Each structure stands twice: as C-alpha cells, then as structure tokens.
Amino acid sequence: MGAKPLFLSLGLIIEEGFLMEDLKKIINSVVQEAKKSGVKIVTGDTKVVPVGKADGIFINTSGIGEVLYENISVYNITDGDVIIVSGDVGDHGSAVMSQRDGIDMDVAIESDCASLWDMIELVLKQGCRVSAIRDATRGGLAAVLNEWASAAGINIHIEENEIPIKDSVKGFCEFLGFEPYQLACEGRVIFAVKSGYENRVIEILRSHPSGKNAKVIGIAGDKNRSDGRFKGKVILRGIYGVDRLLDYPSGELLPRIC
C-alpha cells in the first residue's frame, strides 16, 4: 500500500533431517532479497521439530515499514480510474500446483516470486497519481479486484484480451479447468491510477525487470457504459465481447502456502 519496508523478523521451524545444503540456499536467498529491498533482518528464532511435523521447513516473518506516500487506499478508487497489472498472472499458483501434483508440462512453469518495493517506489517517486496498490497473492487478480470493487462500492470493468498470461499457464489452466485470474501471484502488483497517468505508469513499470509485461487491463466505474445492473462487482469482457461477472475464487485451489 505504498509503505517502504524497513525491518523483518525471521523465524524458522525446521524438521529433523532437513538438508543443510537446502537451508544454506534459503538463507542466502533471504540475504540477497533483503539487500535488494533495503530491509534489515533484526531478530529471529530457530526451532527443530520431529520428522513429519513441519513439511521440511516453515518460515515465519513479520515486518515493520514506513509510510512515505500518504493517501493510497482502496477507498480512493473513483469512476474513471485505470487498472494496471505489472505482469503475467497465475505463474506462482500454476508452478506450485504442477510441482505438488507431479503434473509434467512440455514447457516449464516458473514462479513469479520477486521483491516488489523497488518497482513500486519507481512509480511513486515520479508523482503519478495512484489511488490504490495491491500485490495479487492469495486468490490472485480476481480476489484483489473483487475486494477493491466491494470496498469502493464501484464496478470494475476488465478486458480479458488485455490480461497478460503466459501460454504455458493458459495451457495448464485449460487442462485442469482453472481460471488463471484466480491463481496466486508472488511478484505482481495491481495499480489503480487516475486517468491520464496510465501511460506514464506503464512506461515506468516496463523499465523494471519485474514489470516488462505491464499492461492496462481495465477501468473502474460505469462511465460511458450502459449496463448499471450491478454495483461493487468485477465485470470481465470476454474475447468475443460478452460480459460476465468475475467472482472471488471458490474453495481452496491450493493448500495454504503463505
């Protein structure tokens, strides 16, 4: 929501027999990501539990940040705000599910997991008028947009053709009957920006490695639209020009992973 991350705690619950090589790989990754985001690991704890009690390793963190940019809130979304996604959706959920269920794909699906602050800060430092920001984690794009529409009391219209999705993720979802919009991301940000700033935001995002596939995917409000039957809903215009409601994800597409 626009706060700069400063400090993290890091707690590890490790199962007996967990490989030291894997633990070192995890800790080195933590170090690299902390440096990238300018975050300091200030406290932590380690517990070892019997075999079968921790699924290998559990990692628990808690963070403290500083609000540098005021007035970024879902309640600021108004009619005409432009909806932008920073990149392809559904990568993380597809990657985890394919690995856990042993689903072999012709093309490997990789998680989009990434630190986001440096990319978000690029947008905010340029003075772009941003109404709201959210990372699309559990429930994916669909969950974020529905939360926004409900809280702001406004319809959000999305163009299906404009949502960036990798072909491998599309194939995976078609095979299993999932919607990629409902799968978790771990390196994607959704922006609602005031009309007139969308081109600048897209330009800034695409200058960053994590935002190279950023796209405008829709608009908030019913301006210039004749259908006013709904309020606080996400309306997806399909590839053939037919509108349908994009609901919250139903059930558990994945066991809890974060």
Protein backbone atom coordinates (compact mmCIF):
# COMPACT_ATOMS: atom_id res chain seq x y z
CA MET A 1 0.00 0.00 0.00
CA GLY A 2 2.97 2.30 -0.51
CA ALA A 3 4.93 1.74 2.70
CA LYS A 4 8.68 1.26 2.48
CA PRO A 5 9.80 -1.98 4.20
CA LEU A 6 12.45 -1.47 6.87
CA PHE A 7 12.79 -4.39 9.30
CA LEU A 8 11.92 -8.08 9.32
CA SER A 9 11.89 -10.87 11.85
CA LEU A 10 12.79 -14.33 10.59
CA GLY A 11 11.61 -17.46 12.38
CA LEU A 12 12.49 -20.97 11.18
CA ILE A 13 10.72 -24.20 12.15
CA ILE A 14 12.88 -26.98 10.74
CA GLU A 15 12.11 -30.67 10.51
CA GLU A 16 14.74 -33.16 11.68
CA GLY A 17 16.82 -34.34 8.74
CA PHE A 18 16.33 -31.21 6.63
CA LEU A 19 19.37 -30.90 4.36
CA MET A 20 21.92 -28.30 5.44
CA GLU A 21 22.58 -27.56 1.74
CA ASP A 22 18.93 -26.56 1.27
CA LEU A 23 18.95 -24.44 4.43
CA LYS A 24 22.02 -22.54 3.21
CA LYS A 25 20.32 -21.96 -0.15
CA ILE A 26 17.26 -20.48 1.61
CA ILE A 27 19.31 -18.22 3.90
CA ASN A 28 21.44 -16.96 1.01
CA SER A 29 18.25 -16.14 -0.89
CA VAL A 30 16.95 -14.22 2.14
CA VAL A 31 20.19 -12.22 2.26
CA GLN A 32 20.01 -11.34 -1.44
CA GLU A 33 16.36 -10.24 -1.30
CA ALA A 34 16.88 -8.24 1.88
CA LYS A 35 19.74 -6.34 0.25
CA LYS A 36 17.66 -5.73 -2.86
CA SER A 37 14.81 -4.21 -0.84
CA GLY A 38 16.99 -2.42 1.73
CA VAL A 39 15.43 -4.46 4.55
CA LYS A 40 17.31 -5.40 7.73
CA ILE A 41 16.73 -8.76 9.44
CA VAL A 42 16.68 -7.60 13.05
CA THR A 43 15.54 -10.64 15.02
CA GLY A 44 14.80 -14.31 14.59
CA ASP A 45 14.43 -17.74 16.10
CA THR A 46 15.05 -21.37 15.15
CA LYS A 47 13.17 -24.46 16.33
CA VAL A 48 13.77 -28.06 15.28
CA VAL A 49 10.78 -30.44 15.36
CA PRO A 50 10.46 -34.23 14.87
CA VAL A 51 10.22 -35.81 11.43
CA GLY A 52 6.79 -35.38 9.85
CA LYS A 53 5.84 -32.29 11.89
CA ALA A 54 6.89 -29.44 9.60
CA ASP A 55 6.77 -30.48 5.92
CA GLY A 56 10.51 -29.83 5.72
CA ILE A 57 10.66 -26.21 6.85
CA PHE A 58 8.26 -23.44 7.86
CA ILE A 59 9.43 -19.82 7.62
CA ASN A 60 7.66 -17.08 9.56
CA THR A 61 8.30 -13.37 9.09
CA SER A 62 6.84 -10.16 10.38
CA GLY A 63 7.69 -6.71 9.08
CA ILE A 64 7.74 -3.04 10.00
CA GLY A 65 7.68 -0.32 7.37
CA GLU A 66 7.39 3.43 6.97
CA VAL A 67 4.55 5.20 5.17
CA LEU A 68 6.21 7.60 2.75
CA TYR A 69 3.30 8.20 0.39
CA GLU A 70 0.02 9.17 2.00
CA ASN A 71 -3.48 8.72 0.67
CA ILE A 72 -3.05 5.38 -1.09
CA SER A 73 -6.19 3.40 -0.28
CA VAL A 74 -8.88 1.32 -1.92
CA TYR A 75 -11.37 3.97 -0.79
CA ASN A 76 -9.74 6.43 -3.18
CA ILE A 77 -10.76 4.44 -6.26
CA THR A 78 -13.25 6.51 -8.24
CA ASP A 79 -15.04 6.46 -11.57
CA GLY A 80 -12.55 6.51 -14.44
CA ASP A 81 -9.52 5.13 -12.56
CA VAL A 82 -7.40 2.92 -14.80
CA ILE A 83 -6.47 -0.61 -13.68
CA ILE A 84 -2.92 -1.80 -14.43
CA VAL A 85 -1.21 -5.13 -13.75
CA SER A 86 2.59 -5.25 -13.60
CA GLY A 87 2.98 -8.56 -15.46
CA ASP A 88 1.74 -12.06 -16.31
CA VAL A 89 -0.72 -13.53 -13.80
CA GLY A 90 -1.12 -17.07 -12.46
CA ASP A 91 2.55 -18.10 -12.66
CA HIS A 92 3.13 -18.84 -8.97
CA GLY A 93 -0.06 -20.83 -8.38
CA SER A 94 0.50 -22.89 -11.52
CA ALA A 95 4.14 -23.58 -10.66
CA VAL A 96 3.41 -24.73 -7.12
CA MET A 97 0.42 -26.84 -8.15
CA SER A 98 2.25 -28.56 -11.00
CA GLN A 99 5.15 -29.46 -8.68
CA ARG A 100 2.99 -30.67 -5.81
CA ASP A 101 0.72 -32.77 -8.03
CA GLY A 102 3.51 -34.04 -10.30
CA ILE A 103 1.98 -32.63 -13.47
CA ASP A 104 4.54 -32.70 -16.28
CA MET A 105 4.30 -29.88 -18.81
CA ASP A 106 6.08 -29.59 -22.16
CA VAL A 107 7.10 -26.07 -21.11
CA ALA A 108 8.34 -25.45 -17.56
CA ILE A 109 6.22 -23.09 -15.44
CA GLU A 110 8.24 -20.86 -13.14
CA SER A 111 7.05 -18.88 -10.14
CA ASP A 112 6.98 -15.08 -10.46
CA CYS A 113 8.20 -14.70 -6.86
CA ALA A 114 10.01 -11.35 -6.53
CA SER A 115 10.57 -8.40 -4.22
CA LEU A 116 8.30 -5.55 -5.28
CA TRP A 117 9.24 -2.41 -3.35
CA ASP A 118 11.91 -1.10 -5.75
CA MET A 119 9.47 -1.30 -8.69
CA ILE A 120 6.59 0.27 -6.72
CA GLU A 121 8.85 3.07 -5.49
CA LEU A 122 9.81 3.93 -9.09
CA VAL A 123 6.15 4.69 -9.80
CA LEU A 124 5.51 6.62 -6.59
CA LYS A 125 8.66 8.75 -6.84
CA GLN A 126 7.57 10.05 -10.24
CA GLY A 127 4.49 11.73 -8.77
CA CYS A 128 1.98 9.54 -10.63
CA ARG A 129 -1.48 9.82 -9.05
CA VAL A 130 -2.02 6.33 -7.66
CA SER A 131 -5.32 5.58 -5.93
CA ALA A 132 -4.58 2.05 -4.72
CA ILE A 133 -1.89 -0.65 -4.84
CA ARG A 134 -2.10 -4.35 -4.00
CA ASP A 135 0.05 -7.40 -4.58
CA ALA A 136 -2.01 -10.18 -6.12
CA THR A 137 -1.17 -13.08 -3.79
CA ARG A 138 -3.76 -15.49 -2.42
CA GLY A 139 -6.79 -15.50 -4.74
CA GLY A 140 -4.83 -13.76 -7.47
CA LEU A 141 -6.09 -10.96 -9.66
CA ALA A 142 -9.73 -11.91 -9.13
CA ALA A 143 -9.52 -11.57 -5.33
CA VAL A 144 -7.82 -8.16 -5.45
CA LEU A 145 -10.29 -6.69 -7.96
CA ASN A 146 -13.32 -8.02 -6.08
CA GLU A 147 -12.02 -6.63 -2.77
CA TRP A 148 -11.49 -3.25 -4.44
CA ALA A 149 -14.89 -3.20 -6.13
CA SER A 150 -16.68 -4.17 -2.92
CA ALA A 151 -14.82 -1.72 -0.65
CA ALA A 152 -15.06 1.20 -3.07
CA GLY A 153 -18.67 0.40 -3.98
CA ILE A 154 -17.86 0.67 -7.68
CA ASN A 155 -17.89 -1.69 -10.65
CA ILE A 156 -14.56 -2.60 -12.22
CA HIS A 157 -14.57 -3.50 -15.91
CA ILE A 158 -11.75 -5.72 -17.16
CA GLU A 159 -10.85 -6.69 -20.74
CA GLU A 160 -9.93 -10.38 -20.89
CA ASN A 161 -7.88 -9.86 -24.05
CA GLU A 162 -5.61 -7.42 -22.21
CA ILE A 163 -4.72 -9.58 -19.19
CA PRO A 164 -1.13 -10.84 -19.67
CA ILE A 165 -0.91 -14.63 -19.23
CA LYS A 166 1.87 -16.94 -20.41
CA ASP A 167 0.87 -19.64 -22.91
CA SER A 168 2.18 -22.34 -20.55
CA VAL A 169 -0.10 -21.08 -17.75
CA LYS A 170 -3.07 -20.86 -20.13
CA GLY A 171 -2.48 -24.47 -21.20
CA PHE A 172 -2.13 -25.62 -17.59
CA CYS A 173 -5.36 -23.91 -16.58
CA GLU A 174 -7.31 -25.20 -19.60
CA PHE A 175 -6.10 -28.72 -18.84
CA LEU A 176 -7.32 -28.58 -15.22
CA GLY A 177 -10.31 -26.26 -15.67
CA PHE A 178 -8.90 -23.35 -13.65
CA GLU A 179 -9.05 -19.63 -14.31
CA PRO A 180 -5.58 -18.05 -14.27
CA TYR A 181 -7.09 -14.86 -12.79
CA GLN A 182 -7.80 -16.81 -9.58
CA LEU A 183 -4.34 -18.32 -9.11
CA ALA A 184 -1.81 -16.82 -6.71
CA CYS A 185 0.96 -14.50 -7.83
CA GLU A 186 4.03 -13.63 -5.74
CA GLY A 187 5.62 -10.94 -7.88
CA ARG A 188 2.77 -8.97 -9.41
CA VAL A 189 1.23 -5.64 -8.41
CA ILE A 190 -2.17 -4.23 -9.30
CA PHE A 191 -2.43 -0.45 -9.57
CA ALA A 192 -5.47 1.80 -9.79
CA VAL A 193 -4.29 5.14 -11.20
CA LYS A 194 -6.07 8.34 -12.13
CA SER A 195 -6.94 8.71 -15.80
CA GLY A 196 -4.16 10.43 -17.73
CA TYR A 197 -1.34 8.80 -15.72
CA GLU A 198 -1.66 5.28 -17.13
CA ASN A 199 0.83 5.69 -19.98
CA ARG A 200 3.50 7.09 -17.66
CA VAL A 201 2.96 4.28 -15.13
CA ILE A 202 3.22 1.65 -17.89
CA GLU A 203 6.43 3.26 -19.14
CA ILE A 204 7.96 3.22 -15.64
CA LEU A 205 6.92 -0.36 -14.92
CA ARG A 206 8.30 -1.64 -18.21
CA SER A 207 11.66 -0.07 -17.39
CA HIS A 208 11.95 -2.54 -14.47
CA PRO A 209 12.70 -6.27 -15.00
CA SER A 210 9.65 -7.31 -12.97
CA GLY A 211 7.32 -5.02 -14.91
CA LYS A 212 8.35 -5.60 -18.51
CA ASN A 213 4.94 -7.14 -19.37
CA ALA A 214 2.85 -4.50 -17.56
CA LYS A 215 -0.49 -3.72 -19.20
CA VAL A 216 -3.63 -1.65 -18.79
CA ILE A 217 -6.41 -4.21 -18.24
CA GLY A 218 -9.50 -2.17 -17.42
CA ILE A 219 -11.24 0.76 -15.80
CA ALA A 220 -13.21 1.46 -12.63
CA GLY A 221 -16.76 2.80 -12.80
CA ASP A 222 -19.55 2.70 -15.35
CA LYS A 223 -18.62 5.82 -17.26
CA ASN A 224 -19.77 5.53 -20.90
CA ARG A 225 -21.30 2.11 -20.18
CA SER A 226 -25.00 1.41 -20.42
CA ASP A 227 -25.16 -1.57 -18.04
CA GLY A 228 -25.78 -0.35 -14.49
CA ARG A 229 -27.37 -3.51 -13.09
CA PHE A 230 -24.50 -4.24 -10.73
CA LYS A 231 -22.64 -2.37 -8.03
CA GLY A 232 -19.36 -3.35 -6.44
CA LYS A 233 -18.72 -6.12 -8.98
CA VAL A 234 -15.92 -7.10 -11.36
CA ILE A 235 -17.19 -7.43 -14.92
CA LEU A 236 -14.98 -9.32 -17.36
CA ARG A 237 -15.45 -8.67 -21.07
CA GLY A 238 -14.56 -11.92 -22.84
CA ILE A 239 -12.69 -12.44 -26.08
CA TYR A 240 -15.98 -12.46 -28.02
CA GLY A 241 -17.28 -9.26 -26.45
CA VAL A 242 -19.59 -10.96 -23.95
CA ASP A 243 -19.60 -9.68 -20.35
CA ARG A 244 -19.64 -11.92 -17.29
CA LEU A 245 -19.02 -11.49 -13.60
CA LEU A 246 -15.55 -12.42 -12.36
CA ASP A 247 -16.15 -13.72 -8.84
CA TYR A 248 -13.93 -14.43 -5.88
CA PRO A 249 -12.14 -17.78 -6.11
CA SER A 250 -14.32 -20.55 -4.71
CA GLY A 251 -12.83 -23.24 -2.49
CA GLU A 252 -9.14 -23.94 -2.00
CA LEU A 253 -7.25 -24.08 -5.30
CA LEU A 254 -4.05 -24.65 -3.34
CA PRO A 255 -3.16 -25.75 0.19
CA ARG A 256 -2.07 -22.70 2.16
CA ILE A 257 1.46 -21.79 1.09
CA CYS A 258 1.98 -18.31 2.52
